[in-house]
Amino acid sequence: MKSIGFFNNKGGVGKTTLLCNLAGSLAIKHEKNILVIDADPQCNASAYLLDEETLQSILMDENHYSVDAFYEPIRRGQGYPDATPTIVKSERFCVDLIVGDPKLSIREDLLATDWAATRNGEPRGFQTTYAFRELVSRFESYDYVLIDMGPSLGALNRSVLLGVDYFLMPLSVDIFSMMAVENIIKSLTSWRSALEDAIQRHHKEEGYNFQIAGEDVDWTLNFAGHVVQQYRAKKKEGKRQAVVAFERIIDKQRTELVELCRFFGVDSAEADLGEVPTLSSVVPLSQQAHAPIFDLGSKDGVVGAHYTRVSEAAEFFHAISQKFIVRVSS
């Protein structure tokens, strides 16, 4: 099993749309066993993967056990719970899902406070900071666990990133998305330095290496790659190209992405997983149908030129999923 967080601290980059459609492609096209964990308190992935009635019934079920509930015994100093968050099925996407919880945002305070304890090398701090790694380690039966994350560099997302094997970065073609890459590099550099110091301090003071799921805690995050989305394209000599205004920003983004790849020791060419130009009105159709864009049909409101967009979406997402499999298996 490989765990991958979908992350960019710039909002509005199509992160959830990419995650859900990539998950659907991996499940339907490549027959992979996929679990999606919605760790974004906005719960957009849950609302995309499930119809409104199903989602409402889950959230109102008193027996539903959420990711937020997983943190409650940790907050009380009782350690990790035996219970695992409830898993449900997204029928059209053919993936399993752990539904999001708006209350998860409240855990920022707990995670921020215990990060200070982590930096001091205290066992309680490591236990809280690495709770998400403990959670993800319980899903070894899946091929891939994909985690939807909110657009911030806060304590919750830090905990998620420290707990997964890879992160994948969706990018939109705008100057703010480009600047977000620089912010992420700075934060990752700071987190890794603080963690490495904390590990040394803990070993010196406690005489052993702190472990989660039977493995020593360490900096293990890798970069799966990036996907550029939401740009207007034209065709030149039979090849799809971004229009000039977007080409300039894309060129600048590549420079920042080279720095990010250098941080992780990754070949920048291998980290380029593909592009998804603007798909117009088929995205809201997909959201309304709670179905992958590439799987939309007449029953979902697809008519006329929509079919071309659906076909293009299949081409884009299946190509990305193929590169994704190769990248996270290397």
C-alpha atoms as a PDB file:
ATOM      1  CA  MET A   1       0.000   0.000   0.000  1.00  0.00           C
ATOM      2  CA  LYS A   2       1.127   3.515  -0.825  1.00  0.00           C
ATOM      3  CA  SER A   3      -0.399   6.606   0.782  1.00  0.00           C
ATOM      4  CA  ILE A   4      -0.536   9.891  -1.126  1.00  0.00           C
ATOM      5  CA  GLY A   5      -1.693  13.300   0.097  1.00  0.00           C
ATOM      6  CA  PHE A   6      -3.082  15.727  -2.495  1.00  0.00           C
ATOM      7  CA  PHE A   7      -1.854  19.109  -1.389  1.00  0.00           C
ATOM      8  CA  ASN A   8      -1.373  22.709  -2.400  1.00  0.00           C
ATOM      9  CA  ASN A   9      -1.702  25.580   0.057  1.00  0.00           C
ATOM     10  CA  LYS A  10      -3.255  27.636  -2.762  1.00  0.00           C
ATOM     11  CA  GLY A  11      -6.995  26.983  -2.938  1.00  0.00           C
ATOM     12  CA  GLY A  12      -9.040  26.710  -6.128  1.00  0.00           C
ATOM     13  CA  VAL A  13      -6.513  24.619  -8.057  1.00  0.00           C
ATOM     14  CA  GLY A  14      -8.879  21.715  -8.783  1.00  0.00           C
ATOM     15  CA  LYS A  15      -7.344  19.501  -6.099  1.00  0.00           C
ATOM     16  CA  THR A  16     -10.487  17.570  -5.204  1.00  0.00           C
ATOM     17  CA  THR A  17     -11.540  17.202  -8.845  1.00  0.00           C
ATOM     18  CA  LEU A  18      -8.124  15.736  -9.663  1.00  0.00           C
ATOM     19  CA  LEU A  19      -8.085  13.408  -6.666  1.00  0.00           C
ATOM     20  CA  CYS A  20     -11.558  12.006  -7.271  1.00  0.00           C
ATOM     21  CA  ASN A  21     -11.111  11.496 -11.003  1.00  0.00           C
ATOM     22  CA  LEU A  22      -7.643  10.023 -10.587  1.00  0.00           C
ATOM     23  CA  ALA A  23      -9.045   7.695  -7.911  1.00  0.00           C
ATOM     24  CA  GLY A  24     -11.814   6.682 -10.313  1.00  0.00           C
ATOM     25  CA  SER A  25      -9.324   6.078 -13.119  1.00  0.00           C
ATOM     26  CA  LEU A  26      -7.099   3.934 -10.901  1.00  0.00           C
ATOM     27  CA  ALA A  27     -10.110   1.890  -9.777  1.00  0.00           C
ATOM     28  CA  ILE A  28     -12.008   1.579 -13.063  1.00  0.00           C
ATOM     29  CA  LYS A  29      -9.267   1.670 -15.706  1.00  0.00           C
ATOM     30  CA  HIS A  30      -6.480  -0.062 -13.757  1.00  0.00           C
ATOM     31  CA  GLU A  31      -8.580  -2.170 -11.339  1.00  0.00           C
ATOM     32  CA  LYS A  32      -6.756  -0.900  -8.252  1.00  0.00           C
ATOM     33  CA  ASN A  33      -8.198  -1.110  -4.758  1.00  0.00           C
ATOM     34  CA  ILE A  34      -8.548   2.516  -3.650  1.00  0.00           C
ATOM     35  CA  LEU A  35      -9.371   4.196  -0.344  1.00  0.00           C
ATOM     36  CA  VAL A  36      -9.981   7.945  -0.212  1.00  0.00           C
ATOM     37  CA  ILE A  37      -9.651   9.700   3.148  1.00  0.00           C
ATOM     38  CA  ASP A  38     -11.261  13.118   3.264  1.00  0.00           C
ATOM     39  CA  ALA A  39      -8.994  15.048   5.649  1.00  0.00           C
ATOM     40  CA  ASP A  40     -10.214  18.443   4.469  1.00  0.00           C
ATOM     41  CA  PRO A  41     -12.687  19.933   6.982  1.00  0.00           C
ATOM     42  CA  GLN A  42     -14.546  21.425   3.995  1.00  0.00           C
ATOM     43  CA  CYS A  43     -15.454  17.837   2.999  1.00  0.00           C
ATOM     44  CA  ASN A  44     -15.516  18.533  -0.745  1.00  0.00           C
ATOM     45  CA  ALA A  45     -14.302  15.051  -1.685  1.00  0.00           C
ATOM     46  CA  SER A  46     -17.089  13.460   0.346  1.00  0.00           C
ATOM     47  CA  ALA A  47     -19.681  15.658  -1.368  1.00  0.00           C
ATOM     48  CA  TYR A  48     -18.241  14.732  -4.787  1.00  0.00           C
ATOM     49  CA  LEU A  49     -17.997  10.978  -4.242  1.00  0.00           C
ATOM     50  CA  LEU A  50     -21.392  10.500  -2.546  1.00  0.00           C
ATOM     51  CA  ASP A  51     -24.876  11.722  -3.348  1.00  0.00           C
ATOM     52  CA  GLU A  52     -26.455  14.175  -0.901  1.00  0.00           C
ATOM     53  CA  GLU A  53     -28.894  11.693   0.630  1.00  0.00           C
ATOM     54  CA  THR A  54     -26.209   9.091   1.308  1.00  0.00           C
ATOM     55  CA  LEU A  55     -23.790  11.639   2.748  1.00  0.00           C
ATOM     56  CA  GLN A  56     -26.449  13.117   5.012  1.00  0.00           C
ATOM     57  CA  SER A  57     -27.489   9.718   6.325  1.00  0.00           C
ATOM     58  CA  ILE A  58     -23.857   8.858   7.146  1.00  0.00           C
ATOM     59  CA  LEU A  59     -23.197  12.099   8.979  1.00  0.00           C
ATOM     60  CA  MET A  60     -26.428  11.751  10.985  1.00  0.00           C
ATOM     61  CA  ASP A  61     -25.780   8.113  11.900  1.00  0.00           C
ATOM     62  CA  GLU A  62     -24.889   7.976  15.604  1.00  0.00           C
ATOM     63  CA  ASN A  63     -22.751   4.888  14.930  1.00  0.00           C
ATOM     64  CA  HIS A  64     -20.642   6.696  12.346  1.00  0.00           C
ATOM     65  CA  TYR A  65     -17.000   6.884  13.527  1.00  0.00           C
ATOM     66  CA  SER A  66     -15.119   9.785  11.928  1.00  0.00           C
ATOM     67  CA  VAL A  67     -11.483  10.802  11.557  1.00  0.00           C
ATOM     68  CA  ASP A  68     -12.156  13.509  14.122  1.00  0.00           C
ATOM     69  CA  ALA A  69     -13.377  10.885  16.604  1.00  0.00           C
ATOM     70  CA  PHE A  70     -10.122   8.979  16.054  1.00  0.00           C
ATOM     71  CA  TYR A  71      -8.265  11.918  17.627  1.00  0.00           C
ATOM     72  CA  GLU A  72     -10.423  12.153  20.761  1.00  0.00           C
ATOM     73  CA  PRO A  73      -8.699   9.465  22.892  1.00  0.00           C
ATOM     74  CA  ILE A  74      -5.341  10.869  21.770  1.00  0.00           C
ATOM     75  CA  ARG A  75      -6.397  14.266  23.105  1.00  0.00           C
ATOM     76  CA  ARG A  76      -7.288  12.644  26.417  1.00  0.00           C
ATOM     77  CA  GLY A  77      -3.886  10.990  26.691  1.00  0.00           C
ATOM     78  CA  GLN A  78      -5.362   7.507  26.207  1.00  0.00           C
ATOM     79  CA  GLY A  79      -3.297   6.606  23.148  1.00  0.00           C
ATOM     80  CA  TYR A  80      -4.504   5.402  19.775  1.00  0.00           C
ATOM     81  CA  PRO A  81      -8.030   3.958  19.689  1.00  0.00           C
ATOM     82  CA  ASP A  82      -8.745   0.409  18.579  1.00  0.00           C
ATOM     83  CA  ALA A  83     -11.634   1.629  16.421  1.00  0.00           C
ATOM     84  CA  THR A  84     -11.043   2.657  12.814  1.00  0.00           C
ATOM     85  CA  PRO A  85     -13.114   5.312  11.014  1.00  0.00           C
ATOM     86  CA  THR A  86     -16.169   4.117   9.113  1.00  0.00           C
ATOM     87  CA  ILE A  87     -15.567   3.166   5.467  1.00  0.00           C
ATOM     88  CA  VAL A  88     -18.301   3.585   2.840  1.00  0.00           C
ATOM     89  CA  LYS A  89     -18.477   2.883  -0.898  1.00  0.00           C
ATOM     90  CA  SER A  90     -18.700   5.385  -3.755  1.00  0.00           C
ATOM     91  CA  GLU A  91     -20.580   3.391  -6.375  1.00  0.00           C
ATOM     92  CA  ARG A  92     -19.871   5.468  -9.501  1.00  0.00           C
ATOM     93  CA  PHE A  93     -16.188   6.032  -8.690  1.00  0.00           C
ATOM     94  CA  CYS A  94     -15.732   2.411  -7.489  1.00  0.00           C
ATOM     95  CA  VAL A  95     -13.641   3.505  -4.497  1.00  0.00           C
ATOM     96  CA  ASP A  96     -13.950   3.306  -0.730  1.00  0.00           C
ATOM     97  CA  LEU A  97     -14.191   6.487   1.308  1.00  0.00           C
ATOM     98  CA  ILE A  98     -13.690   7.733   4.844  1.00  0.00           C
ATOM     99  CA  VAL A  99     -16.063  10.690   4.967  1.00  0.00           C
ATOM    100  CA  GLY A 100     -14.758  14.087   6.044  1.00  0.00           C
ATOM    101  CA  ASP A 101     -15.735  15.886   9.235  1.00  0.00           C
ATOM    102  CA  PRO A 102     -15.940  19.691   9.634  1.00  0.00           C
ATOM    103  CA  LYS A 103     -14.973  19.271  13.291  1.00  0.00           C
ATOM    104  CA  LEU A 104     -11.537  18.094  12.196  1.00  0.00           C
ATOM    105  CA  SER A 105     -10.481  21.750  11.912  1.00  0.00           C
ATOM    106  CA  ILE A 106     -10.747  22.001  15.710  1.00  0.00           C
ATOM    107  CA  ARG A 107      -7.908  19.478  16.009  1.00  0.00           C
ATOM    108  CA  GLU A 108      -5.522  22.152  14.714  1.00  0.00           C
ATOM    109  CA  ASP A 109      -5.076  23.393  18.300  1.00  0.00           C
ATOM    110  CA  LEU A 110      -4.212  19.925  19.618  1.00  0.00           C
ATOM    111  CA  LEU A 111      -1.775  19.266  16.778  1.00  0.00           C
ATOM    112  CA  ALA A 112      -0.143  22.681  17.062  1.00  0.00           C
ATOM    113  CA  THR A 113       0.322  22.367  20.828  1.00  0.00           C
ATOM    114  CA  ASP A 114       1.731  18.854  20.608  1.00  0.00           C
ATOM    115  CA  TRP A 115       4.047  19.831  17.736  1.00  0.00           C
ATOM    116  CA  ALA A 116       5.877  21.925  20.311  1.00  0.00           C
ATOM    117  CA  ALA A 117       6.149  18.791  22.444  1.00  0.00           C
ATOM    118  CA  THR A 118       7.384  16.872  19.406  1.00  0.00           C
ATOM    119  CA  ARG A 119      10.135  19.434  18.849  1.00  0.00           C
ATOM    120  CA  ASN A 120      11.185  18.889  22.461  1.00  0.00           C
ATOM    121  CA  GLY A 121      11.500  15.162  21.773  1.00  0.00           C
ATOM    122  CA  GLU A 122       8.573  14.228  24.043  1.00  0.00           C
ATOM    123  CA  PRO A 123       6.759  10.914  23.397  1.00  0.00           C
ATOM    124  CA  ARG A 124       3.323  12.551  23.772  1.00  0.00           C
ATOM    125  CA  GLY A 125       4.227  14.975  20.991  1.00  0.00           C
ATOM    126  CA  PHE A 126       5.316  12.230  18.597  1.00  0.00           C
ATOM    127  CA  GLN A 127       2.180  10.240  19.331  1.00  0.00           C
ATOM    128  CA  THR A 128      -0.112  13.134  18.413  1.00  0.00           C
ATOM    129  CA  THR A 129       1.894  14.376  15.439  1.00  0.00           C
ATOM    130  CA  TYR A 130       2.046  10.895  13.926  1.00  0.00           C
ATOM    131  CA  ALA A 131      -1.558   9.896  14.586  1.00  0.00           C
ATOM    132  CA  PHE A 132      -2.322  10.084  10.883  1.00  0.00           C
ATOM    133  CA  ARG A 133       0.512   7.680  10.078  1.00  0.00           C
ATOM    134  CA  GLU A 134      -0.933   5.265  12.623  1.00  0.00           C
ATOM    135  CA  LEU A 135      -4.344   5.609  10.962  1.00  0.00           C
ATOM    136  CA  VAL A 136      -3.062   5.073   7.415  1.00  0.00           C
ATOM    137  CA  SER A 137      -1.009   2.032   8.489  1.00  0.00           C
ATOM    138  CA  ARG A 138      -4.276   0.195   9.194  1.00  0.00           C
ATOM    139  CA  PHE A 139      -5.241   0.014   5.516  1.00  0.00           C
ATOM    140  CA  GLU A 140      -2.609  -2.312   4.064  1.00  0.00           C
ATOM    141  CA  SER A 141      -5.255  -4.187   2.064  1.00  0.00           C
ATOM    142  CA  TYR A 142      -5.539  -1.254  -0.366  1.00  0.00           C
ATOM    143  CA  ASP A 143      -3.239  -0.538  -3.289  1.00  0.00           C
ATOM    144  CA  TYR A 144      -3.424   3.222  -2.737  1.00  0.00           C
ATOM    145  CA  VAL A 145      -4.778   5.441   0.018  1.00  0.00           C
ATOM    146  CA  LEU A 146      -5.440   8.937  -1.353  1.00  0.00           C
ATOM    147  CA  ILE A 147      -5.920  11.789   1.120  1.00  0.00           C
ATOM    148  CA  ASP A 148      -7.710  15.018   0.276  1.00  0.00           C
ATOM    149  CA  MET A 149      -6.224  17.940   2.208  1.00  0.00           C
ATOM    150  CA  GLY A 150      -7.268  21.531   2.792  1.00  0.00           C
ATOM    151  CA  PRO A 151      -5.332  24.497   1.347  1.00  0.00           C
ATOM    152  CA  SER A 152      -3.192  25.474   4.315  1.00  0.00           C
ATOM    153  CA  LEU A 153       0.240  24.988   5.847  1.00  0.00           C
ATOM    154  CA  GLY A 154      -1.252  24.462   9.298  1.00  0.00           C
ATOM    155  CA  ALA A 155      -0.756  21.772  11.923  1.00  0.00           C
ATOM    156  CA  LEU A 156      -3.355  19.362  10.518  1.00  0.00           C
ATOM    157  CA  ASN A 157      -1.799  19.248   7.070  1.00  0.00           C
ATOM    158  CA  ARG A 158       1.682  18.991   8.567  1.00  0.00           C
ATOM    159  CA  SER A 159       0.524  15.903  10.468  1.00  0.00           C
ATOM    160  CA  VAL A 160      -0.970  14.401   7.305  1.00  0.00           C
ATOM    161  CA  LEU A 161       2.172  15.049   5.259  1.00  0.00           C
ATOM    162  CA  LEU A 162       4.382  13.509   7.936  1.00  0.00           C
ATOM    163  CA  GLY A 163       2.111  10.479   7.909  1.00  0.00           C
ATOM    164  CA  VAL A 164       1.972   9.650   4.196  1.00  0.00           C
ATOM    165  CA  ASP A 165       4.472   8.182   1.744  1.00  0.00           C
ATOM    166  CA  TYR A 166       4.032  10.815  -0.977  1.00  0.00           C
ATOM    167  CA  PHE A 167       2.337  14.065  -1.751  1.00  0.00           C
ATOM    168  CA  LEU A 168       0.994  15.088  -5.135  1.00  0.00           C
ATOM    169  CA  MET A 169       0.613  18.739  -6.054  1.00  0.00           C
ATOM    170  CA  PRO A 170      -2.193  20.003  -8.293  1.00  0.00           C
ATOM    171  CA  LEU A 171      -1.387  23.402  -9.817  1.00  0.00           C
ATOM    172  CA  SER A 172      -3.507  25.979 -11.573  1.00  0.00           C
ATOM    173  CA  VAL A 173      -1.914  28.312 -14.066  1.00  0.00           C
ATOM    174  CA  ASP A 174      -1.802  31.542 -12.077  1.00  0.00           C
ATOM    175  CA  ILE A 175       0.817  33.604 -10.294  1.00  0.00           C
ATOM    176  CA  PHE A 176      -0.507  32.748  -6.816  1.00  0.00           C
ATOM    177  CA  SER A 177      -0.263  29.018  -7.428  1.00  0.00           C
ATOM    178  CA  MET A 178       3.336  29.548  -8.488  1.00  0.00           C
ATOM    179  CA  MET A 179       4.086  31.464  -5.272  1.00  0.00           C
ATOM    180  CA  ALA A 180       2.507  28.657  -3.243  1.00  0.00           C
ATOM    181  CA  VAL A 181       5.271  26.297  -4.379  1.00  0.00           C
ATOM    182  CA  GLU A 182       7.881  28.563  -2.789  1.00  0.00           C
ATOM    183  CA  ASN A 183       5.907  28.641   0.476  1.00  0.00           C
ATOM    184  CA  ILE A 184       5.661  24.860   0.521  1.00  0.00           C
ATOM    185  CA  ILE A 185       9.414  24.451   0.037  1.00  0.00           C
ATOM    186  CA  LYS A 186      10.097  26.791   2.962  1.00  0.00           C
ATOM    187  CA  SER A 187       7.646  24.971   5.234  1.00  0.00           C
ATOM    188  CA  LEU A 188       8.903  21.508   4.326  1.00  0.00           C
ATOM    189  CA  THR A 189      12.485  22.598   4.942  1.00  0.00           C
ATOM    190  CA  SER A 190      11.553  23.943   8.375  1.00  0.00           C
ATOM    191  CA  TRP A 191       9.506  20.854   9.320  1.00  0.00           C
ATOM    192  CA  ARG A 192      12.207  18.412   8.287  1.00  0.00           C
ATOM    193  CA  SER A 193      14.892  20.276  10.214  1.00  0.00           C
ATOM    194  CA  ALA A 194      12.730  20.478  13.347  1.00  0.00           C
ATOM    195  CA  LEU A 195      11.779  16.795  13.113  1.00  0.00           C
ATOM    196  CA  GLU A 196      15.357  15.593  12.667  1.00  0.00           C
ATOM    197  CA  ASP A 197      16.435  17.615  15.719  1.00  0.00           C
ATOM    198  CA  ALA A 198      13.490  16.232  17.722  1.00  0.00           C
ATOM    199  CA  ILE A 199      14.344  12.641  16.824  1.00  0.00           C
ATOM    200  CA  GLN A 200      17.918  13.118  18.008  1.00  0.00           C
ATOM    201  CA  ARG A 201      16.736  14.785  21.224  1.00  0.00           C
ATOM    202  CA  HIS A 202      14.244  11.987  21.947  1.00  0.00           C
ATOM    203  CA  HIS A 203      16.836   9.264  21.396  1.00  0.00           C
ATOM    204  CA  LYS A 204      19.342  11.062  23.629  1.00  0.00           C
ATOM    205  CA  GLU A 205      16.869  11.618  26.469  1.00  0.00           C
ATOM    206  CA  GLU A 206      14.773   8.432  26.249  1.00  0.00           C
ATOM    207  CA  GLY A 207      17.363   5.989  24.924  1.00  0.00           C
ATOM    208  CA  TYR A 208      15.205   4.530  22.148  1.00  0.00           C
ATOM    209  CA  ASN A 209      13.705   5.438  18.789  1.00  0.00           C
ATOM    210  CA  PHE A 210      10.011   6.356  18.852  1.00  0.00           C
ATOM    211  CA  GLN A 211       8.018   4.018  16.623  1.00  0.00           C
ATOM    212  CA  ILE A 212       4.694   4.191  14.824  1.00  0.00           C
ATOM    213  CA  ALA A 213       3.191   1.016  13.340  1.00  0.00           C
ATOM    214  CA  GLY A 214       6.408  -0.872  14.089  1.00  0.00           C
ATOM    215  CA  GLU A 215       8.725   1.562  12.293  1.00  0.00           C
ATOM    216  CA  ASP A 216      11.067   4.246  13.608  1.00  0.00           C
ATOM    217  CA  VAL A 217       9.718   7.775  13.197  1.00  0.00           C
ATOM    218  CA  ASP A 218      11.692   9.661  10.574  1.00  0.00           C
ATOM    219  CA  TRP A 219      11.280  12.065   7.663  1.00  0.00           C
ATOM    220  CA  THR A 220       9.971   9.764   4.924  1.00  0.00           C
ATOM    221  CA  LEU A 221       7.851  12.049   2.730  1.00  0.00           C
ATOM    222  CA  ASN A 222       8.459  11.816  -1.023  1.00  0.00           C
ATOM    223  CA  PHE A 223       7.183  13.882  -3.944  1.00  0.00           C
ATOM    224  CA  ALA A 224       4.903  11.948  -6.285  1.00  0.00           C
ATOM    225  CA  GLY A 225       4.723  14.782  -8.803  1.00  0.00           C
ATOM    226  CA  HIS A 226       2.497  17.556 -10.059  1.00  0.00           C
ATOM    227  CA  VAL A 227      -0.431  18.041 -12.426  1.00  0.00           C
ATOM    228  CA  VAL A 228      -1.111  21.379 -14.105  1.00  0.00           C
ATOM    229  CA  GLN A 229      -4.822  22.129 -14.499  1.00  0.00           C
ATOM    230  CA  GLN A 230      -7.344  24.743 -15.568  1.00  0.00           C
ATOM    231  CA  TYR A 231      -5.564  26.413 -18.447  1.00  0.00           C
ATOM    232  CA  ARG A 232      -7.000  27.271 -21.842  1.00  0.00           C
ATOM    233  CA  ALA A 233      -5.354  25.339 -24.645  1.00  0.00           C
ATOM    234  CA  LYS A 234      -5.016  25.678 -28.400  1.00  0.00           C
ATOM    235  CA  LYS A 235      -3.738  23.261 -31.017  1.00  0.00           C
ATOM    236  CA  LYS A 236      -0.629  23.984 -33.057  1.00  0.00           C
ATOM    237  CA  GLU A 237       0.547  21.483 -35.651  1.00  0.00           C
ATOM    238  CA  GLY A 238      -1.756  18.928 -34.129  1.00  0.00           C
ATOM    239  CA  LYS A 239      -0.399  19.339 -30.580  1.00  0.00           C
ATOM    240  CA  ARG A 240      -2.213  20.859 -27.619  1.00  0.00           C
ATOM    241  CA  GLN A 241      -0.508  23.963 -26.196  1.00  0.00           C
ATOM    242  CA  ALA A 242      -1.399  26.540 -23.564  1.00  0.00           C
ATOM    243  CA  VAL A 243      -2.263  30.003 -24.864  1.00  0.00           C
ATOM    244  CA  VAL A 244       0.530  32.586 -24.617  1.00  0.00           C
ATOM    245  CA  ALA A 245      -0.664  34.261 -21.406  1.00  0.00           C
ATOM    246  CA  PHE A 246      -0.558  30.935 -19.593  1.00  0.00           C
ATOM    247  CA  GLU A 247       2.702  29.782 -21.182  1.00  0.00           C
ATOM    248  CA  ARG A 248       4.650  32.520 -19.365  1.00  0.00           C
ATOM    249  CA  ILE A 249       3.285  31.481 -15.969  1.00  0.00           C
ATOM    250  CA  ILE A 250       3.863  27.796 -16.730  1.00  0.00           C
ATOM    251  CA  ASP A 251       7.517  28.550 -17.522  1.00  0.00           C
ATOM    252  CA  LYS A 252       7.930  30.324 -14.173  1.00  0.00           C
ATOM    253  CA  GLN A 253       6.175  27.487 -12.368  1.00  0.00           C
ATOM    254  CA  ARG A 254       8.612  25.005 -13.867  1.00  0.00           C
ATOM    255  CA  THR A 255      11.499  26.903 -12.280  1.00  0.00           C
ATOM    256  CA  GLU A 256       9.897  26.644  -8.825  1.00  0.00           C
ATOM    257  CA  LEU A 257       9.025  22.989  -9.396  1.00  0.00           C
ATOM    258  CA  VAL A 258      12.651  22.197 -10.221  1.00  0.00           C
ATOM    259  CA  GLU A 259      13.549  23.539  -6.770  1.00  0.00           C
ATOM    260  CA  LEU A 260      10.867  21.383  -5.166  1.00  0.00           C
ATOM    261  CA  CYS A 261      12.142  18.316  -7.007  1.00  0.00           C
ATOM    262  CA  ARG A 262      15.679  19.126  -5.909  1.00  0.00           C
ATOM    263  CA  PHE A 263      14.509  19.226  -2.281  1.00  0.00           C
ATOM    264  CA  PHE A 264      13.236  15.646  -2.633  1.00  0.00           C
ATOM    265  CA  GLY A 265      15.991  14.418  -4.943  1.00  0.00           C
ATOM    266  CA  VAL A 266      13.484  13.734  -7.707  1.00  0.00           C
ATOM    267  CA  ASP A 267      13.993  14.028 -11.466  1.00  0.00           C
ATOM    268  CA  SER A 268      11.780  16.937 -12.543  1.00  0.00           C
ATOM    269  CA  ALA A 269      10.822  15.150 -15.777  1.00  0.00           C
ATOM    270  CA  GLU A 270       9.551  12.132 -13.832  1.00  0.00           C
ATOM    271  CA  ALA A 271       7.565  14.423 -11.514  1.00  0.00           C
ATOM    272  CA  ASP A 272       5.529  15.824 -14.416  1.00  0.00           C
ATOM    273  CA  LEU A 273       2.451  13.601 -14.289  1.00  0.00           C
ATOM    274  CA  GLY A 274       0.482  15.447 -16.941  1.00  0.00           C
ATOM    275  CA  GLU A 275      -1.926  18.275 -17.610  1.00  0.00           C
ATOM    276  CA  VAL A 276      -5.680  18.795 -17.525  1.00  0.00           C
ATOM    277  CA  PRO A 277      -6.866  21.756 -19.623  1.00  0.00           C
ATOM    278  CA  THR A 278     -10.171  23.409 -18.777  1.00  0.00           C
ATOM    279  CA  LEU A 279     -13.002  20.910 -19.283  1.00  0.00           C
ATOM    280  CA  SER A 280     -15.798  23.493 -19.240  1.00  0.00           C
ATOM    281  CA  SER A 281     -19.283  22.413 -18.200  1.00  0.00           C
ATOM    282  CA  VAL A 282     -18.604  18.701 -17.766  1.00  0.00           C
ATOM    283  CA  VAL A 283     -17.004  19.324 -14.347  1.00  0.00           C
ATOM    284  CA  PRO A 284     -20.271  20.520 -12.725  1.00  0.00           C
ATOM    285  CA  LEU A 285     -22.108  17.700 -14.507  1.00  0.00           C
ATOM    286  CA  SER A 286     -19.676  15.283 -12.909  1.00  0.00           C
ATOM    287  CA  GLN A 287     -20.209  16.848  -9.489  1.00  0.00           C
ATOM    288  CA  GLN A 288     -23.989  16.685  -9.839  1.00  0.00           C
ATOM    289  CA  ALA A 289     -23.870  13.046 -10.979  1.00  0.00           C
ATOM    290  CA  HIS A 290     -21.255  12.094  -8.331  1.00  0.00           C
ATOM    291  CA  ALA A 291     -19.419  10.305 -11.124  1.00  0.00           C
ATOM    292  CA  PRO A 292     -16.017  10.537 -12.843  1.00  0.00           C
ATOM    293  CA  ILE A 293     -15.923  13.016 -15.704  1.00  0.00           C
ATOM    294  CA  PHE A 294     -14.716  10.286 -18.073  1.00  0.00           C
ATOM    295  CA  ASP A 295     -17.679   8.051 -17.138  1.00  0.00           C
ATOM    296  CA  LEU A 296     -20.460  10.567 -17.816  1.00  0.00           C
ATOM    297  CA  GLY A 297     -23.233   9.660 -20.227  1.00  0.00           C
ATOM    298  CA  SER A 298     -26.612  10.804 -21.477  1.00  0.00           C
ATOM    299  CA  LYS A 299     -28.297   9.891 -18.191  1.00  0.00           C
ATOM    300  CA  ASP A 300     -26.002  12.449 -16.524  1.00  0.00           C
ATOM    301  CA  GLY A 301     -27.008  15.267 -18.862  1.00  0.00           C
ATOM    302  CA  VAL A 302     -24.244  14.861 -21.454  1.00  0.00           C
ATOM    303  CA  VAL A 303     -25.297  16.186 -24.864  1.00  0.00           C
ATOM    304  CA  GLY A 304     -23.640  17.343 -28.076  1.00  0.00           C
ATOM    305  CA  ALA A 305     -20.154  18.803 -27.588  1.00  0.00           C
ATOM    306  CA  HIS A 306     -20.074  17.485 -24.021  1.00  0.00           C
ATOM    307  CA  TYR A 307     -19.143  14.068 -25.411  1.00  0.00           C
ATOM    308  CA  THR A 308     -15.914  15.494 -26.798  1.00  0.00           C
ATOM    309  CA  ARG A 309     -15.025  16.854 -23.362  1.00  0.00           C
ATOM    310  CA  VAL A 310     -15.825  13.509 -21.732  1.00  0.00           C
ATOM    311  CA  SER A 311     -13.585  11.734 -24.229  1.00  0.00           C
ATOM    312  CA  GLU A 312     -10.797  14.255 -23.617  1.00  0.00           C
ATOM    313  CA  ALA A 313     -11.158  13.795 -19.870  1.00  0.00           C
ATOM    314  CA  ALA A 314     -10.706  10.042 -20.283  1.00  0.00           C
ATOM    315  CA  GLU A 315      -7.529  10.677 -22.245  1.00  0.00           C
ATOM    316  CA  PHE A 316      -6.129  13.101 -19.662  1.00  0.00           C
ATOM    317  CA  PHE A 317      -6.976  11.238 -16.456  1.00  0.00           C
ATOM    318  CA  HIS A 318      -6.065   7.754 -17.698  1.00  0.00           C
ATOM    319  CA  ALA A 319      -2.685   9.032 -18.897  1.00  0.00           C
ATOM    320  CA  ILE A 320      -2.069  10.683 -15.503  1.00  0.00           C
ATOM    321  CA  SER A 321      -3.094   7.541 -13.616  1.00  0.00           C
ATOM    322  CA  GLN A 322      -0.687   5.456 -15.694  1.00  0.00           C
ATOM    323  CA  LYS A 323       2.206   7.810 -14.906  1.00  0.00           C
ATOM    324  CA  PHE A 324       1.108   7.920 -11.271  1.00  0.00           C
ATOM    325  CA  ILE A 325       1.344   4.135 -10.932  1.00  0.00           C
ATOM    326  CA  VAL A 326       4.848   4.107 -12.366  1.00  0.00           C
ATOM    327  CA  ARG A 327       5.948   7.050 -10.220  1.00  0.00           C
ATOM    328  CA  VAL A 328       4.813   5.748  -6.824  1.00  0.00           C
ATOM    329  CA  SER A 329       6.042   2.240  -7.586  1.00  0.00           C
ATOM    330  CA  SER A 330       9.615   3.369  -8.264  1.00  0.00           C
END
